[in-house]
Protein backbone atom coordinates (compact mmCIF):
# COMPACT_ATOMS: atom_id res chain seq x y z
CA MET A 1 0.16 -0.39 -0.20
CA SER A 2 1.66 3.19 -0.94
CA THR A 3 0.06 6.50 -1.70
CA LYS A 4 0.42 9.76 -2.25
CA ALA A 5 -1.14 12.38 0.90
CA SER A 6 -3.14 14.87 -0.60
CA THR A 7 -4.50 18.52 1.10
CA PRO A 8 -8.44 18.15 1.34
CA THR A 9 -10.21 19.53 -1.41
CA SER A 10 -12.07 21.80 1.12
CA ASN A 11 -11.24 25.85 1.10
CA THR A 12 -11.17 26.18 5.12
CA VAL A 13 -8.13 27.49 5.82
CA PRO A 14 -7.69 26.78 9.85
CA GLU A 15 -8.05 29.97 11.62
CA ASN A 16 -4.34 29.90 12.53
CA ALA A 17 -2.93 29.35 9.64
CA ILE A 18 -0.44 32.19 7.49
CA SER A 19 -2.59 33.55 4.74
CA ALA A 20 0.53 33.46 2.33
CA PRO A 21 2.14 30.62 0.30
CA GLU A 22 4.90 28.60 2.16
CA GLU A 23 7.18 29.62 -0.55
CA ASP A 24 6.42 33.58 0.11
CA TYR A 25 7.70 33.28 3.93
CA LEU A 26 9.96 30.51 4.03
CA TYR A 27 13.20 28.87 2.56
CA THR A 28 16.03 27.03 3.20
CA ALA A 29 19.52 27.60 3.95
CA THR A 30 22.59 26.06 6.22
CA SER A 31 21.80 24.60 9.29
CA SER A 32 22.53 26.22 12.37
CA VAL A 33 22.72 22.43 13.94
CA PRO A 34 26.28 20.67 13.44
CA ASN A 35 26.17 18.16 10.18
CA ALA A 36 22.15 18.81 9.48
CA GLY A 37 22.50 19.92 5.86
CA LEU A 38 19.30 22.29 5.40
CA GLY A 39 17.22 23.84 7.90
CA LEU A 40 14.54 25.74 7.54
CA PHE A 41 14.02 29.46 8.02
CA THR A 42 11.49 32.34 8.10
CA ALA A 43 11.42 35.71 6.13
CA ILE A 44 9.22 36.95 8.14
CA THR A 45 8.03 37.08 11.60
CA ILE A 46 6.09 33.87 12.92
CA TYR A 47 3.87 34.20 15.98
CA LYS A 48 3.07 32.09 18.77
CA ASP A 49 0.26 29.12 17.40
CA GLU A 50 0.61 29.96 14.13
CA ILE A 51 0.90 27.06 11.48
CA ILE A 52 4.48 27.27 10.39
CA ALA A 53 4.42 24.47 6.81
CA GLU A 54 2.63 21.63 6.29
CA PHE A 55 3.66 18.42 6.04
CA ARG A 56 3.59 16.88 2.88
CA GLY A 57 4.72 12.92 1.60
CA GLU A 58 3.79 9.17 0.41
CA ILE A 59 1.52 7.16 3.19
CA ILE A 60 2.93 3.82 3.26
CA SER A 61 1.98 0.32 5.36
CA GLY A 62 3.60 -0.99 7.67
CA GLU A 63 5.58 -3.25 5.20
CA GLU A 64 6.75 -0.46 3.30
CA GLU A 65 8.19 1.54 6.07
CA ASN A 66 10.25 -1.97 7.34
CA LYS A 67 11.50 -2.18 3.90
CA ARG A 68 12.39 1.20 3.57
CA LYS A 69 14.29 0.97 7.18
CA ARG A 70 16.48 -1.67 6.10
CA GLU A 71 17.86 0.09 2.76
CA GLY A 72 18.29 3.19 4.96
CA ASN A 73 15.68 5.13 3.77
CA ASP A 74 13.40 6.41 6.95
CA ASP A 75 14.89 9.89 7.42
CA TYR A 76 12.18 11.35 6.73
CA PHE A 77 8.88 9.24 8.15
CA MET A 78 6.43 10.50 10.29
CA ASN A 79 4.42 7.70 12.46
CA LEU A 80 0.43 8.89 12.39
CA HIS A 81 -2.14 7.74 14.49
CA ASP A 82 -3.88 5.47 12.35
CA GLY A 83 -0.56 3.13 12.49
CA THR A 84 0.49 4.43 8.62
CA THR A 85 3.61 6.21 7.92
CA LEU A 86 4.34 9.62 6.11
CA ASP A 87 7.13 9.52 4.30
CA CYS A 88 8.21 13.02 3.17
CA LYS A 89 12.15 12.22 1.60
CA ASN A 90 10.62 12.24 -2.04
CA THR A 91 7.63 14.89 -1.67
CA PHE A 92 9.29 18.97 -1.93
CA CYS A 93 7.84 20.00 1.33
CA PHE A 94 9.39 23.33 3.77
CA ALA A 95 8.09 21.39 7.00
CA LYS A 96 10.62 18.24 6.73
CA TYR A 97 13.65 20.81 6.61
CA ALA A 98 12.97 21.84 10.56
CA ASN A 99 15.45 20.35 12.13
CA ASP A 100 15.80 19.34 16.11
CA ALA A 101 18.47 20.73 18.34
CA GLU A 102 18.35 18.31 21.09
CA GLY A 103 22.25 18.27 22.47
CA THR A 104 22.69 22.00 20.71
CA SER A 105 22.50 25.31 22.62
CA LEU A 106 19.56 26.36 20.47
CA LYS A 107 16.21 26.30 21.46
CA ILE A 108 13.16 24.63 20.23
CA ASN A 109 11.05 27.04 18.60
CA ALA A 110 7.92 24.54 16.87
CA PHE A 111 6.11 21.55 17.90
CA ILE A 112 4.36 18.74 15.08
CA GLY A 113 1.05 18.85 15.79
CA MET A 114 -2.35 18.46 14.09
CA ASP A 115 -4.99 21.37 12.33
CA GLU A 116 -8.39 20.96 12.02
CA GLN A 117 -8.11 19.03 9.33
CA HIS A 118 -5.62 16.62 10.51
CA ARG A 119 -2.83 17.40 8.44
CA VAL A 120 0.56 17.10 10.05
CA CYS A 121 1.49 20.53 10.57
CA LEU A 122 4.81 22.63 12.10
CA ILE A 123 3.15 24.82 14.84
CA ALA A 124 4.37 27.78 16.43
CA ASN A 125 5.33 27.04 19.84
CA LYS A 126 6.76 30.83 21.03
CA THR A 127 6.93 34.05 18.56
CA ILE A 128 10.10 33.19 15.54
CA LYS A 129 11.84 36.72 14.46
CA ALA A 130 12.22 36.99 10.62
CA GLY A 131 15.72 35.26 9.52
CA SER A 132 15.26 33.19 12.15
CA GLU A 133 15.77 29.34 11.88
CA ILE A 134 12.62 26.84 12.71
CA PHE A 135 13.51 24.04 15.44
CA CYS A 136 11.17 21.38 16.83
CA SER A 137 12.03 17.94 18.23
CA TYR A 138 11.26 14.73 16.57
CA GLY A 139 11.12 12.72 19.66
CA LYS A 140 13.96 10.39 21.89
CA LYS A 141 13.42 7.45 19.85
CA TYR A 142 14.72 9.85 16.97
CA CYS A 143 17.77 11.37 18.96
CA LYS A 144 19.12 8.06 20.41
CA LYS A 145 19.00 6.81 16.31
CA THR A 146 20.91 9.93 15.49
CA SER A 147 23.05 10.86 18.14
CA HIS A 148 26.56 10.14 17.12
CA TYR A 149 26.19 12.57 14.01
CA LEU A 150 26.16 15.10 16.53
CA GLN A 151 29.84 14.13 17.91
CA LYS A 152 31.29 14.65 14.92
């Protein structure tokens, strides 16, 4: 089972969504997190509780998830409440560039949550100034898996 996650056809915009296309206010650049590659940055001030970006990707089954893990292709997995997995690796979305700042002096300024339409989103947990990098927590399991990267 493998399907593309799509945006609902409803024109309803969540109350706390930024009323501009993501590409108008988000960009990627070299991250402040050591060895992380690209990071997610904002060109505008984003306020607490605003939806920063939506995670987009392919919805895959447990079987496909295990196959990709064995192949080492699990860098952009998100476990969903229904037991499936969202794989953002081969789909462009700004949200996947928000790095986890665990193990650094950098501060988390966003979290992964759901909007009113049950889409997985990156949401500000404090005001984020224009020009700032956006950080969120990926959780303890992820940090344990990747802690060796920060030690380089």
